[in-house]
Structure formats: C-alpha cells, structure tokens
Amino acid sequence: MGVISNGTTLLDAGAIDSGIATGAMTLIKTLTASSSATLDFLNGTSNVVLDDTYKEYVFKFINIHPQTNVKNFTFQVDTGTNTSYNQAMTTTQFNAQGNEADDSTGLGYNASGDQAQGTAFQSIMDRVGSDADSCVVGSLHLFNPSSTTFVKHFIANCQAEQSAESRNFHTAGYVNTTTALTRVRFKFNSGNIDSGIIKLYGIK
C-alpha cells in the first residue's frame, strides 16, 4: 500500500482509489428518434444526470436522418426548469469537404456557423441530406455542466454526406453562464428528425 502526491491511497499494485479520474465512459441514456421534433436530455428525468457525477459528458450521434432535405443539425442548452433554450454562446467553426468525383474540395473557416454571444441554436453540422442513404454522425463533448464557477465549454465533430460530398464540421465554444446546465436539446433547424440515435455518456 502506498500514497501518491494528492494523498490518494494505492491499496495494491494496479488498484486506484475511486476518486481518481479513469477516463472510462459510462452510458447514461439512449434516445431514438422517430419523426421527432427534438431529442431532449433533461436532468433528473429517467436517469439522465447532468450533475457533478461526471466532469465531461459526451453525446454520440448515430445515423441522424432529417425528414427535410439540406437542413442543419443543431443544439442548445438551458438551466434549472427553464425551457427557452436560449443561453448565450460564443462559438467558432471550420469545415472540410471533398466530393466523390474528387474534383471539388475545400477547407476553411465557416463564418456563418459561429456566434458571438448569440442565443440561437448552434449548428454543429450543416446541409444534411434527406436522401435514403444520407445522415449525420459525430459527437459533442460538454465539459463540467454542473459548475457554478466557470462557463461551459464544448467541442463537437460531425460528419455528413450531401450531394455526393463528404462534409466534416468542427465546432467549439462556450455557453456563457456560470449557472449549472440541466438540459440539452437537439433538433434540425427545420423539419423533424426522421430517425437516428443519440447516446449520452459520462466520463470520470
């Protein structure tokens, strides 16, 4: 048995006190869309907990398909029991794309995808196609949403197909509030989510 610098006790070789961050992902909740206007993760509802149990929460998007063609996949958050989903965000976004014919490529900053203290739903993937084989996949990392000291940072990486083109979007920013976040909503900027799955994980 030994002690490391922060006072944590090592009970035996390879055993670490439960207070140490391990990086393990714990599945908290799975939501499946079926012509859904939104997919909402609410604190304290059906085992969804956005509290200090975890310092990082990860949403995984699996084959999110819009009912309406060429729509943006977006999210917003709120605090307490509020349901306005209009928290101020400051964000940045860049994207890369290349088509199947390999004759059109691009990489650049996406000025239309950022906000400066904006309260709109933040796009994390634009122009998602509604063709039968089109969808958006990716992830959103939300850091320490229960903090009452710091703003709430996030990083998103999403990939989609649109008009025979691969499109990859990187979005990052912060929700400019020191109030604990309690809910996260996902939706397309117009039309329903036809199908798809969002999984929420916690990371210690």
N, C-alpha and C. Protein backbone atom coordinates (compact mmCIF):
# COMPACT_ATOMS: atom_id res chain seq x y z
N MET A 1 0.86 -1.20 0.00
CA MET A 1 0.00 0.00 0.00
C MET A 1 0.89 1.24 0.00
N GLY A 2 0.53 2.25 -0.78
CA GLY A 2 1.32 3.46 -0.85
C GLY A 2 0.43 4.68 -1.00
N VAL A 3 1.06 5.84 -0.98
CA VAL A 3 0.32 7.10 -1.10
C VAL A 3 0.96 7.94 -2.19
N ILE A 4 0.12 8.51 -3.11
CA ILE A 4 0.64 9.40 -4.14
C ILE A 4 0.45 10.83 -3.70
N SER A 5 0.91 11.78 -4.51
CA SER A 5 1.09 13.16 -4.06
C SER A 5 -0.19 13.82 -3.56
N ASN A 6 -1.37 13.45 -4.09
CA ASN A 6 -2.60 14.12 -3.63
C ASN A 6 -3.22 13.42 -2.42
N GLY A 7 -2.51 12.45 -1.88
CA GLY A 7 -3.00 11.77 -0.69
C GLY A 7 -3.82 10.54 -0.96
N THR A 8 -4.05 10.20 -2.25
CA THR A 8 -4.82 9.03 -2.59
C THR A 8 -4.04 7.76 -2.24
N THR A 9 -4.72 6.81 -1.67
CA THR A 9 -4.08 5.57 -1.26
C THR A 9 -4.16 4.53 -2.36
N LEU A 10 -3.02 3.88 -2.65
CA LEU A 10 -2.97 2.74 -3.55
C LEU A 10 -3.06 1.49 -2.70
N LEU A 11 -4.15 0.74 -2.85
CA LEU A 11 -4.35 -0.43 -2.00
C LEU A 11 -3.44 -1.58 -2.39
N ASP A 12 -3.21 -1.73 -3.67
CA ASP A 12 -2.28 -2.76 -4.15
C ASP A 12 -1.87 -2.39 -5.56
N ALA A 13 -0.96 -3.13 -6.12
CA ALA A 13 -0.46 -2.82 -7.46
C ALA A 13 -1.61 -2.84 -8.45
N GLY A 14 -1.77 -1.75 -9.18
CA GLY A 14 -2.82 -1.65 -10.20
C GLY A 14 -4.16 -1.18 -9.68
N ALA A 15 -4.34 -1.07 -8.37
CA ALA A 15 -5.61 -0.60 -7.82
C ALA A 15 -5.53 0.88 -7.53
N ILE A 16 -6.53 1.65 -7.98
CA ILE A 16 -6.54 3.09 -7.81
C ILE A 16 -7.79 3.50 -7.06
N ASP A 17 -7.64 4.43 -6.14
CA ASP A 17 -8.77 4.94 -5.37
C ASP A 17 -9.85 5.48 -6.31
N SER A 18 -11.13 5.35 -5.93
CA SER A 18 -12.25 5.74 -6.79
C SER A 18 -12.30 7.23 -7.08
N GLY A 19 -11.55 8.04 -6.32
CA GLY A 19 -11.54 9.47 -6.57
C GLY A 19 -10.70 9.88 -7.75
N ILE A 20 -9.90 8.97 -8.29
CA ILE A 20 -9.03 9.28 -9.43
C ILE A 20 -9.82 9.18 -10.72
N ALA A 21 -9.64 10.16 -11.62
CA ALA A 21 -10.27 10.11 -12.94
C ALA A 21 -9.67 8.97 -13.75
N THR A 22 -10.53 8.13 -14.34
CA THR A 22 -10.05 6.98 -15.10
C THR A 22 -10.24 7.14 -16.60
N GLY A 23 -11.12 8.04 -17.03
CA GLY A 23 -11.40 8.20 -18.45
C GLY A 23 -12.42 7.21 -18.98
N ALA A 24 -12.94 6.33 -18.12
CA ALA A 24 -13.92 5.34 -18.56
C ALA A 24 -15.24 6.02 -18.91
N MET A 25 -15.88 5.53 -19.99
CA MET A 25 -17.17 6.07 -20.42
C MET A 25 -18.30 5.21 -19.87
N THR A 26 -19.28 5.86 -19.25
CA THR A 26 -20.44 5.18 -18.71
C THR A 26 -21.68 5.62 -19.47
N LEU A 27 -22.39 4.67 -20.07
CA LEU A 27 -23.61 5.00 -20.79
C LEU A 27 -24.70 5.42 -19.81
N ILE A 28 -25.26 6.61 -20.02
CA ILE A 28 -26.29 7.14 -19.14
C ILE A 28 -27.68 7.00 -19.76
N LYS A 29 -27.79 7.29 -21.05
CA LYS A 29 -29.12 7.36 -21.66
C LYS A 29 -29.00 7.20 -23.17
N THR A 30 -29.98 6.54 -23.79
CA THR A 30 -30.09 6.42 -25.24
C THR A 30 -31.45 6.93 -25.68
N LEU A 31 -31.47 7.85 -26.64
CA LEU A 31 -32.72 8.33 -27.21
C LEU A 31 -32.76 7.97 -28.69
N THR A 32 -33.91 7.48 -29.15
CA THR A 32 -34.08 7.08 -30.54
C THR A 32 -35.16 7.95 -31.18
N ALA A 33 -34.83 8.57 -32.29
CA ALA A 33 -35.77 9.46 -32.98
C ALA A 33 -36.71 8.67 -33.87
N SER A 34 -37.94 9.13 -33.95
CA SER A 34 -38.93 8.60 -34.87
C SER A 34 -39.87 9.74 -35.23
N SER A 35 -39.54 10.45 -36.30
CA SER A 35 -40.27 11.67 -36.68
C SER A 35 -40.37 12.61 -35.49
N SER A 36 -39.25 12.84 -34.80
CA SER A 36 -39.20 13.62 -33.57
C SER A 36 -38.82 15.06 -33.86
N ALA A 37 -39.57 16.00 -33.30
CA ALA A 37 -39.23 17.41 -33.46
C ALA A 37 -37.91 17.72 -32.76
N THR A 38 -37.71 17.13 -31.57
CA THR A 38 -36.48 17.33 -30.81
C THR A 38 -36.13 16.04 -30.09
N LEU A 39 -34.86 15.95 -29.68
CA LEU A 39 -34.42 14.94 -28.73
C LEU A 39 -33.84 15.69 -27.54
N ASP A 40 -34.42 15.49 -26.36
CA ASP A 40 -34.07 16.28 -25.18
C ASP A 40 -33.49 15.39 -24.08
N PHE A 41 -32.39 15.85 -23.51
CA PHE A 41 -31.80 15.21 -22.34
C PHE A 41 -32.02 16.15 -21.15
N LEU A 42 -32.80 15.70 -20.18
CA LEU A 42 -33.21 16.55 -19.06
C LEU A 42 -32.65 16.00 -17.76
N ASN A 43 -32.09 16.86 -16.95
CA ASN A 43 -31.53 16.47 -15.65
C ASN A 43 -32.63 15.89 -14.77
N GLY A 44 -32.33 14.71 -14.18
CA GLY A 44 -33.25 14.10 -13.25
C GLY A 44 -34.42 13.38 -13.88
N THR A 45 -34.44 13.26 -15.21
CA THR A 45 -35.54 12.59 -15.90
C THR A 45 -35.07 11.26 -16.45
N SER A 46 -35.65 10.18 -15.97
CA SER A 46 -35.33 8.83 -16.47
C SER A 46 -33.83 8.58 -16.48
N ASN A 47 -33.21 8.78 -15.37
CA ASN A 47 -31.79 8.51 -15.07
C ASN A 47 -30.80 9.42 -15.81
N VAL A 48 -31.26 10.51 -16.42
CA VAL A 48 -30.33 11.47 -17.01
C VAL A 48 -29.85 12.43 -15.92
N VAL A 49 -28.56 12.49 -15.74
CA VAL A 49 -28.00 13.32 -14.67
C VAL A 49 -26.88 14.17 -15.23
N LEU A 50 -27.10 15.48 -15.29
CA LEU A 50 -26.05 16.41 -15.72
C LEU A 50 -25.51 17.13 -14.48
N ASP A 51 -25.05 16.34 -13.52
CA ASP A 51 -24.55 16.93 -12.29
C ASP A 51 -23.05 16.68 -12.16
N ASP A 52 -22.52 16.81 -10.95
CA ASP A 52 -21.09 16.68 -10.76
C ASP A 52 -20.61 15.23 -10.66
N THR A 53 -21.50 14.28 -10.97
CA THR A 53 -21.07 12.88 -11.05
C THR A 53 -19.95 12.74 -12.07
N TYR A 54 -20.08 13.47 -13.17
CA TYR A 54 -19.08 13.44 -14.24
C TYR A 54 -18.65 14.87 -14.57
N LYS A 55 -17.39 15.03 -14.92
CA LYS A 55 -16.87 16.33 -15.33
C LYS A 55 -16.96 16.52 -16.84
N GLU A 56 -17.19 15.43 -17.56
CA GLU A 56 -17.33 15.51 -19.02
C GLU A 56 -18.48 14.62 -19.44
N TYR A 57 -19.34 15.16 -20.28
CA TYR A 57 -20.45 14.41 -20.85
C TYR A 57 -20.27 14.37 -22.36
N VAL A 58 -20.51 13.19 -22.96
CA VAL A 58 -20.31 13.00 -24.39
C VAL A 58 -21.60 12.49 -25.02
N PHE A 59 -22.08 13.21 -26.03
CA PHE A 59 -23.23 12.79 -26.82
C PHE A 59 -22.71 12.19 -28.12
N LYS A 60 -23.16 10.98 -28.45
CA LYS A 60 -22.77 10.32 -29.69
C LYS A 60 -23.98 10.29 -30.63
N PHE A 61 -23.78 10.79 -31.84
CA PHE A 61 -24.84 10.84 -32.85
C PHE A 61 -24.64 9.70 -33.84
N ILE A 62 -25.67 8.88 -34.00
CA ILE A 62 -25.58 7.70 -34.85
C ILE A 62 -26.68 7.75 -35.90
N ASN A 63 -26.30 7.98 -37.15
CA ASN A 63 -27.22 7.95 -38.29
C ASN A 63 -28.44 8.85 -38.08
N ILE A 64 -28.19 10.12 -37.76
CA ILE A 64 -29.27 11.09 -37.57
C ILE A 64 -29.74 11.56 -38.95
N HIS A 65 -30.99 11.24 -39.27
CA HIS A 65 -31.52 11.48 -40.63
C HIS A 65 -32.66 12.49 -40.58
N PRO A 66 -32.58 13.57 -41.37
CA PRO A 66 -33.65 14.58 -41.38
C PRO A 66 -34.80 14.18 -42.30
N GLN A 67 -35.98 14.65 -41.96
CA GLN A 67 -37.12 14.44 -42.84
C GLN A 67 -37.10 15.40 -44.02
N THR A 68 -36.46 16.57 -43.83
CA THR A 68 -36.43 17.61 -44.86
C THR A 68 -35.01 17.77 -45.36
N ASN A 69 -34.84 17.94 -46.67
CA ASN A 69 -33.52 17.95 -47.27
C ASN A 69 -32.73 19.22 -46.94
N VAL A 70 -31.42 19.06 -46.82
CA VAL A 70 -30.45 20.15 -46.65
C VAL A 70 -30.78 20.99 -45.41
N LYS A 71 -30.73 20.35 -44.26
CA LYS A 71 -31.02 21.03 -43.01
C LYS A 71 -29.83 20.94 -42.06
N ASN A 72 -29.75 21.90 -41.13
CA ASN A 72 -28.65 21.96 -40.17
C ASN A 72 -29.03 21.24 -38.88
N PHE A 73 -28.09 20.44 -38.37
CA PHE A 73 -28.28 19.75 -37.09
C PHE A 73 -27.74 20.66 -35.99
N THR A 74 -28.56 20.93 -34.96
CA THR A 74 -28.25 21.98 -34.00
C THR A 74 -28.48 21.51 -32.57
N PHE A 75 -27.97 22.32 -31.62
CA PHE A 75 -28.27 22.07 -30.21
C PHE A 75 -28.32 23.39 -29.45
N GLN A 76 -28.99 23.34 -28.29
CA GLN A 76 -28.98 24.44 -27.32
C GLN A 76 -29.15 23.82 -25.93
N VAL A 77 -28.95 24.65 -24.92
CA VAL A 77 -29.00 24.19 -23.53
C VAL A 77 -29.83 25.17 -22.70
N ASP A 78 -30.14 24.73 -21.47
CA ASP A 78 -30.82 25.64 -20.56
C ASP A 78 -30.51 25.26 -19.12
N THR A 79 -31.00 26.09 -18.21
CA THR A 79 -30.69 25.95 -16.78
C THR A 79 -31.97 25.72 -15.99
N GLY A 80 -31.84 25.13 -14.80
CA GLY A 80 -32.98 24.94 -13.92
C GLY A 80 -34.12 24.22 -14.62
N THR A 81 -35.33 24.76 -14.45
CA THR A 81 -36.51 24.21 -15.13
C THR A 81 -36.88 25.03 -16.36
N ASN A 82 -35.99 25.91 -16.78
CA ASN A 82 -36.26 26.75 -17.95
C ASN A 82 -36.30 25.91 -19.22
N THR A 83 -37.16 26.29 -20.14
CA THR A 83 -37.28 25.55 -21.40
C THR A 83 -37.21 26.48 -22.61
N SER A 84 -36.58 27.65 -22.44
CA SER A 84 -36.44 28.58 -23.57
C SER A 84 -35.31 28.17 -24.50
N TYR A 85 -34.33 27.45 -24.00
CA TYR A 85 -33.17 27.03 -24.78
C TYR A 85 -32.60 28.22 -25.57
N ASN A 86 -32.17 29.22 -24.82
CA ASN A 86 -31.65 30.44 -25.44
C ASN A 86 -30.44 30.99 -24.68
N GLN A 87 -29.61 30.10 -24.17
CA GLN A 87 -28.42 30.54 -23.45
C GLN A 87 -27.41 31.18 -24.42
N ALA A 88 -26.74 32.23 -23.96
CA ALA A 88 -25.76 32.94 -24.80
C ALA A 88 -24.53 32.07 -25.03
N MET A 89 -24.11 31.98 -26.30
CA MET A 89 -22.93 31.21 -26.67
C MET A 89 -21.97 32.07 -27.49
N THR A 90 -20.69 31.80 -27.31
CA THR A 90 -19.67 32.32 -28.22
C THR A 90 -18.97 31.11 -28.82
N THR A 91 -18.98 31.01 -30.15
CA THR A 91 -18.56 29.77 -30.81
C THR A 91 -17.69 30.05 -32.03
N THR A 92 -17.05 29.01 -32.50
CA THR A 92 -16.21 29.06 -33.70
C THR A 92 -16.38 27.77 -34.47
N GLN A 93 -16.19 27.82 -35.80
CA GLN A 93 -16.45 26.62 -36.62
C GLN A 93 -15.60 26.64 -37.90
N PHE A 94 -15.05 25.47 -38.23
CA PHE A 94 -14.42 25.31 -39.55
C PHE A 94 -14.84 23.97 -40.12
N ASN A 95 -14.69 23.82 -41.43
CA ASN A 95 -15.14 22.60 -42.09
C ASN A 95 -14.23 22.22 -43.24
N ALA A 96 -14.27 20.94 -43.58
CA ALA A 96 -13.56 20.40 -44.74
C ALA A 96 -14.54 19.58 -45.55
N GLN A 97 -14.36 19.57 -46.86
CA GLN A 97 -15.23 18.75 -47.69
C GLN A 97 -14.51 18.28 -48.94
N GLY A 98 -14.99 17.17 -49.49
CA GLY A 98 -14.49 16.63 -50.74
C GLY A 98 -15.57 15.77 -51.36
N ASN A 99 -15.66 15.79 -52.68
CA ASN A 99 -16.76 15.06 -53.33
C ASN A 99 -16.29 13.73 -53.91
N GLU A 100 -17.27 12.92 -54.34
CA GLU A 100 -16.97 11.58 -54.86
C GLU A 100 -16.18 11.63 -56.16
N ALA A 101 -16.37 12.67 -56.94
CA ALA A 101 -15.64 12.80 -58.20
C ALA A 101 -14.22 13.30 -57.99
N ASP A 102 -13.90 13.71 -56.78
CA ASP A 102 -12.58 14.23 -56.42
C ASP A 102 -12.18 15.44 -57.25
N ASP A 103 -13.18 16.26 -57.60
CA ASP A 103 -12.88 17.47 -58.36
C ASP A 103 -13.35 18.73 -57.64
N SER A 104 -13.78 18.57 -56.37
CA SER A 104 -14.20 19.72 -55.58
C SER A 104 -13.86 19.46 -54.12
N THR A 105 -12.94 20.25 -53.59
CA THR A 105 -12.53 20.09 -52.19
C THR A 105 -12.46 21.47 -51.53
N GLY A 106 -12.41 21.48 -50.22
CA GLY A 106 -12.31 22.76 -49.53
C GLY A 106 -11.99 22.58 -48.06
N LEU A 107 -11.39 23.61 -47.49
CA LEU A 107 -11.09 23.67 -46.06
C LEU A 107 -11.11 25.13 -45.66
N GLY A 108 -11.90 25.46 -44.65
CA GLY A 108 -11.93 26.87 -44.28
C GLY A 108 -12.80 27.17 -43.08
N TYR A 109 -12.68 28.40 -42.62
CA TYR A 109 -13.49 28.88 -41.52
C TYR A 109 -14.92 29.10 -42.00
N ASN A 110 -15.89 28.72 -41.19
CA ASN A 110 -17.29 28.87 -41.55
C ASN A 110 -17.90 30.00 -40.73
N ALA A 111 -17.83 31.21 -41.26
CA ALA A 111 -18.30 32.39 -40.52
C ALA A 111 -19.79 32.33 -40.23
N SER A 112 -20.55 31.69 -41.10
CA SER A 112 -22.00 31.62 -40.87
C SER A 112 -22.36 30.65 -39.75
N GLY A 113 -21.37 29.85 -39.29
CA GLY A 113 -21.62 28.86 -38.26
C GLY A 113 -21.19 29.28 -36.88
N ASP A 114 -20.71 30.53 -36.72
CA ASP A 114 -20.28 30.94 -35.39
C ASP A 114 -21.30 31.91 -34.77
N GLN A 115 -21.16 32.10 -33.47
CA GLN A 115 -21.99 33.06 -32.73
C GLN A 115 -21.09 33.88 -31.81
N ALA A 116 -21.46 35.12 -31.59
CA ALA A 116 -20.78 35.99 -30.63
C ALA A 116 -21.82 36.47 -29.64
N GLN A 117 -21.93 35.76 -28.53
CA GLN A 117 -22.98 36.00 -27.55
C GLN A 117 -24.37 35.83 -28.17
N GLY A 118 -24.47 34.89 -29.11
CA GLY A 118 -25.75 34.60 -29.73
C GLY A 118 -26.57 33.64 -28.88
N THR A 119 -27.87 33.68 -29.04
CA THR A 119 -28.76 32.83 -28.26
C THR A 119 -29.52 31.84 -29.13
N ALA A 120 -29.12 31.73 -30.40
CA ALA A 120 -29.77 30.79 -31.31
C ALA A 120 -29.27 29.37 -31.04
N PHE A 121 -29.98 28.39 -31.59
CA PHE A 121 -29.46 27.03 -31.59
C PHE A 121 -28.18 27.00 -32.41
N GLN A 122 -27.16 26.36 -31.86
CA GLN A 122 -25.86 26.29 -32.51
C GLN A 122 -25.82 25.14 -33.51
N SER A 123 -25.53 25.46 -34.77
CA SER A 123 -25.37 24.41 -35.78
C SER A 123 -24.04 23.69 -35.56
N ILE A 124 -24.09 22.36 -35.57
CA ILE A 124 -22.86 21.57 -35.49
C ILE A 124 -22.65 20.72 -36.74
N MET A 125 -23.63 20.73 -37.66
CA MET A 125 -23.48 20.11 -38.97
C MET A 125 -24.49 20.74 -39.90
N ASP A 126 -24.04 21.30 -41.01
CA ASP A 126 -25.00 21.95 -41.90
C ASP A 126 -25.25 21.12 -43.15
N ARG A 127 -26.38 21.42 -43.80
CA ARG A 127 -26.75 20.86 -45.10
C ARG A 127 -26.79 19.33 -45.10
N VAL A 128 -27.44 18.76 -44.10
CA VAL A 128 -27.58 17.30 -44.06
C VAL A 128 -28.67 16.88 -45.04
N GLY A 129 -28.36 15.90 -45.88
CA GLY A 129 -29.31 15.47 -46.90
C GLY A 129 -30.36 14.54 -46.35
N SER A 130 -31.53 14.52 -47.02
CA SER A 130 -32.61 13.62 -46.62
C SER A 130 -32.72 12.41 -47.53
N ASP A 131 -31.76 12.22 -48.45
CA ASP A 131 -31.73 11.00 -49.25
C ASP A 131 -31.70 9.80 -48.32
N ALA A 132 -32.17 8.66 -48.83
CA ALA A 132 -32.28 7.47 -48.00
C ALA A 132 -30.94 7.06 -47.39
N ASP A 133 -29.83 7.35 -48.08
CA ASP A 133 -28.52 6.92 -47.58
C ASP A 133 -27.76 8.05 -46.87
N SER A 134 -28.40 9.17 -46.63
CA SER A 134 -27.74 10.31 -46.01
C SER A 134 -28.06 10.40 -44.52
N CYS A 135 -27.08 10.84 -43.75
CA CYS A 135 -27.28 11.03 -42.31
C CYS A 135 -26.10 11.82 -41.76
N VAL A 136 -26.20 12.19 -40.48
CA VAL A 136 -25.08 12.83 -39.80
C VAL A 136 -24.66 11.94 -38.63
N VAL A 137 -23.35 11.83 -38.44
CA VAL A 137 -22.78 11.11 -37.30
C VAL A 137 -21.78 12.03 -36.62
N GLY A 138 -21.43 11.72 -35.37
CA GLY A 138 -20.42 12.54 -34.71
C GLY A 138 -20.59 12.54 -33.21
N SER A 139 -20.05 13.58 -32.58
CA SER A 139 -20.07 13.66 -31.12
C SER A 139 -20.04 15.11 -30.66
N LEU A 140 -20.54 15.31 -29.45
CA LEU A 140 -20.48 16.60 -28.77
C LEU A 140 -19.97 16.34 -27.36
N HIS A 141 -18.89 17.01 -26.97
CA HIS A 141 -18.33 16.92 -25.63
C HIS A 141 -18.72 18.19 -24.86
N LEU A 142 -19.38 18.00 -23.72
CA LEU A 142 -19.78 19.11 -22.87
C LEU A 142 -19.05 18.96 -21.54
N PHE A 143 -18.32 20.01 -21.15
CA PHE A 143 -17.43 19.92 -20.01
C PHE A 143 -18.02 20.59 -18.77
N ASN A 144 -18.08 19.83 -17.69
CA ASN A 144 -18.45 20.31 -16.36
C ASN A 144 -19.71 21.18 -16.37
N PRO A 145 -20.83 20.64 -16.89
CA PRO A 145 -22.05 21.46 -17.00
C PRO A 145 -22.64 21.86 -15.65
N SER A 146 -22.28 21.18 -14.56
CA SER A 146 -22.85 21.50 -13.26
C SER A 146 -22.09 22.59 -12.53
N SER A 147 -20.99 23.07 -13.11
CA SER A 147 -20.18 24.09 -12.44
C SER A 147 -20.97 25.37 -12.19
N THR A 148 -20.78 25.94 -11.01
CA THR A 148 -21.36 27.25 -10.72
C THR A 148 -20.26 28.31 -10.63
N THR A 149 -19.07 27.96 -11.14
CA THR A 149 -17.93 28.88 -11.16
C THR A 149 -17.53 29.28 -12.57
N PHE A 150 -17.53 28.30 -13.48
CA PHE A 150 -16.98 28.52 -14.82
C PHE A 150 -18.06 28.52 -15.89
N VAL A 151 -17.73 29.13 -17.05
CA VAL A 151 -18.58 28.98 -18.23
C VAL A 151 -18.47 27.54 -18.71
N LYS A 152 -19.37 27.12 -19.62
CA LYS A 152 -19.46 25.72 -20.01
C LYS A 152 -18.92 25.52 -21.42
N HIS A 153 -17.75 24.92 -21.52
CA HIS A 153 -17.11 24.71 -22.82
C HIS A 153 -17.65 23.46 -23.51
N PHE A 154 -17.61 23.47 -24.84
CA PHE A 154 -17.99 22.28 -25.60
C PHE A 154 -17.16 22.19 -26.88
N ILE A 155 -17.04 20.97 -27.39
CA ILE A 155 -16.36 20.67 -28.64
C ILE A 155 -17.20 19.66 -29.40
N ALA A 156 -17.47 19.91 -30.68
CA ALA A 156 -18.25 18.98 -31.49
C ALA A 156 -17.51 18.66 -32.78
N ASN A 157 -17.64 17.42 -33.23
CA ASN A 157 -17.09 16.98 -34.52
C ASN A 157 -18.16 16.14 -35.20
N CYS A 158 -18.64 16.59 -36.36
CA CYS A 158 -19.71 15.89 -37.06
C CYS A 158 -19.35 15.68 -38.53
N GLN A 159 -19.89 14.60 -39.07
CA GLN A 159 -19.64 14.20 -40.45
C GLN A 159 -20.96 13.87 -41.12
N ALA A 160 -21.13 14.31 -42.38
CA ALA A 160 -22.36 14.00 -43.11
C ALA A 160 -22.07 13.93 -44.60
N GLU A 161 -23.02 13.34 -45.32
CA GLU A 161 -22.98 13.30 -46.79
C GLU A 161 -24.07 14.20 -47.34
N GLN A 162 -23.72 14.99 -48.36
CA GLN A 162 -24.70 15.85 -49.00
C GLN A 162 -24.31 16.00 -50.46
N SER A 163 -25.20 15.57 -51.35
CA SER A 163 -24.98 15.70 -52.80
C SER A 163 -23.65 15.08 -53.21
N ALA A 164 -23.44 13.82 -52.79
CA ALA A 164 -22.23 13.06 -53.13
C ALA A 164 -20.96 13.74 -52.65
N GLU A 165 -21.07 14.42 -51.53
CA GLU A 165 -19.93 15.13 -50.96
C GLU A 165 -19.79 14.77 -49.49
N SER A 166 -18.57 14.48 -49.06
CA SER A 166 -18.27 14.26 -47.65
C SER A 166 -17.99 15.60 -47.00
N ARG A 167 -18.70 15.88 -45.87
CA ARG A 167 -18.56 17.16 -45.18
C ARG A 167 -18.26 16.90 -43.71
N ASN A 168 -17.19 17.52 -43.22
CA ASN A 168 -16.78 17.33 -41.83
C ASN A 168 -16.69 18.70 -41.16
N PHE A 169 -17.43 18.85 -40.04
CA PHE A 169 -17.50 20.14 -39.34
C PHE A 169 -16.95 20.01 -37.93
N HIS A 170 -16.10 20.97 -37.57
CA HIS A 170 -15.56 21.08 -36.22
C HIS A 170 -16.09 22.38 -35.60
N THR A 171 -16.76 22.24 -34.47
CA THR A 171 -17.37 23.38 -33.79
C THR A 171 -16.94 23.39 -32.34
N ALA A 172 -16.62 24.55 -31.81
CA ALA A 172 -16.25 24.66 -30.40
C ALA A 172 -16.73 26.00 -29.87
N GLY A 173 -16.82 26.09 -28.56
CA GLY A 173 -17.24 27.34 -27.96
C GLY A 173 -17.57 27.17 -26.50
N TYR A 174 -18.26 28.17 -25.97
CA TYR A 174 -18.68 28.08 -24.58
C TYR A 174 -20.05 28.71 -24.41
N VAL A 175 -20.80 28.13 -23.48
CA VAL A 175 -22.07 28.70 -23.04
C VAL A 175 -21.71 29.68 -21.93
N ASN A 176 -22.05 30.95 -22.13
CA ASN A 176 -21.55 32.00 -21.24
C ASN A 176 -22.45 32.17 -20.03
N THR A 177 -22.47 31.14 -19.19
CA THR A 177 -23.19 31.22 -17.93
C THR A 177 -22.43 30.43 -16.87
N THR A 178 -22.47 30.92 -15.64
CA THR A 178 -21.88 30.18 -14.53
C THR A 178 -22.97 29.44 -13.74
N THR A 179 -24.18 29.46 -14.25
CA THR A 179 -25.27 28.68 -13.67
C THR A 179 -25.20 27.25 -14.21
N ALA A 180 -25.49 26.28 -13.37
CA ALA A 180 -25.45 24.88 -13.79
C ALA A 180 -26.44 24.62 -14.92
N LEU A 181 -25.99 23.86 -15.93
CA LEU A 181 -26.88 23.44 -17.02
C LEU A 181 -27.64 22.19 -16.59
N THR A 182 -28.90 22.10 -16.98
CA THR A 182 -29.72 20.97 -16.59
C THR A 182 -30.37 20.25 -17.78
N ARG A 183 -30.25 20.81 -18.98
CA ARG A 183 -30.93 20.20 -20.12
C ARG A 183 -30.23 20.56 -21.42
N VAL A 184 -30.30 19.62 -22.38
CA VAL A 184 -29.70 19.80 -23.70
C VAL A 184 -30.73 19.34 -24.73
N ARG A 185 -30.95 20.15 -25.75
CA ARG A 185 -31.92 19.82 -26.81
C ARG A 185 -31.21 19.76 -28.16
N PHE A 186 -31.54 18.74 -28.95
CA PHE A 186 -31.03 18.59 -30.30
C PHE A 186 -32.20 18.64 -31.28
N LYS A 187 -31.99 19.30 -32.42
CA LYS A 187 -33.01 19.34 -33.46
C LYS A 187 -32.39 19.81 -34.77
N PHE A 188 -33.12 19.62 -35.86
CA PHE A 188 -32.75 20.25 -37.12
C PHE A 188 -33.35 21.65 -37.15
N ASN A 189 -32.75 22.54 -37.94
CA ASN A 189 -33.24 23.91 -37.95
C ASN A 189 -34.60 24.04 -38.63
N SER A 190 -35.03 22.98 -39.29
CA SER A 190 -36.38 22.93 -39.86
C SER A 190 -36.72 21.47 -40.11
N GLY A 191 -37.95 21.09 -39.83
CA GLY A 191 -38.37 19.71 -40.02
C GLY A 191 -37.95 18.81 -38.88
N ASN A 192 -38.50 17.61 -38.87
CA ASN A 192 -38.26 16.67 -37.80
C ASN A 192 -36.99 15.85 -38.00
N ILE A 193 -36.58 15.18 -36.92
CA ILE A 193 -35.54 14.15 -37.00
C ILE A 193 -36.26 12.87 -37.39
N ASP A 194 -36.07 12.42 -38.61
CA ASP A 194 -36.79 11.26 -39.12
C ASP A 194 -36.40 9.99 -38.35
N SER A 195 -35.10 9.79 -38.14
CA SER A 195 -34.62 8.61 -37.44
C SER A 195 -33.21 8.88 -36.94
N GLY A 196 -32.71 7.98 -36.11
CA GLY A 196 -31.36 8.12 -35.59
C GLY A 196 -31.32 7.92 -34.08
N ILE A 197 -30.13 7.81 -33.56
CA ILE A 197 -29.91 7.53 -32.15
C ILE A 197 -28.91 8.54 -31.58
N ILE A 198 -29.18 9.02 -30.37
CA ILE A 198 -28.20 9.80 -29.62
C ILE A 198 -27.96 9.09 -28.29
N LYS A 199 -26.70 8.81 -28.01
CA LYS A 199 -26.31 8.19 -26.75
C LYS A 199 -25.55 9.21 -25.90
N LEU A 200 -25.86 9.24 -24.61
CA LEU A 200 -25.18 10.12 -23.66
C LEU A 200 -24.31 9.29 -22.73
N TYR A 201 -23.02 9.68 -22.67
CA TYR A 201 -22.06 9.02 -21.80
C TYR A 201 -21.49 10.02 -20.80
N GLY A 202 -21.12 9.53 -19.65
CA GLY A 202 -20.37 10.32 -18.69
C GLY A 202 -18.95 9.79 -18.60
N ILE A 203 -17.99 10.71 -18.42
CA ILE A 203 -16.57 10.33 -18.31
C ILE A 203 -16.02 10.87 -17.00
N LYS A 204 -15.44 9.99 -16.21
CA LYS A 204 -14.79 10.41 -14.96
C LYS A 204 -13.31 10.64 -15.21
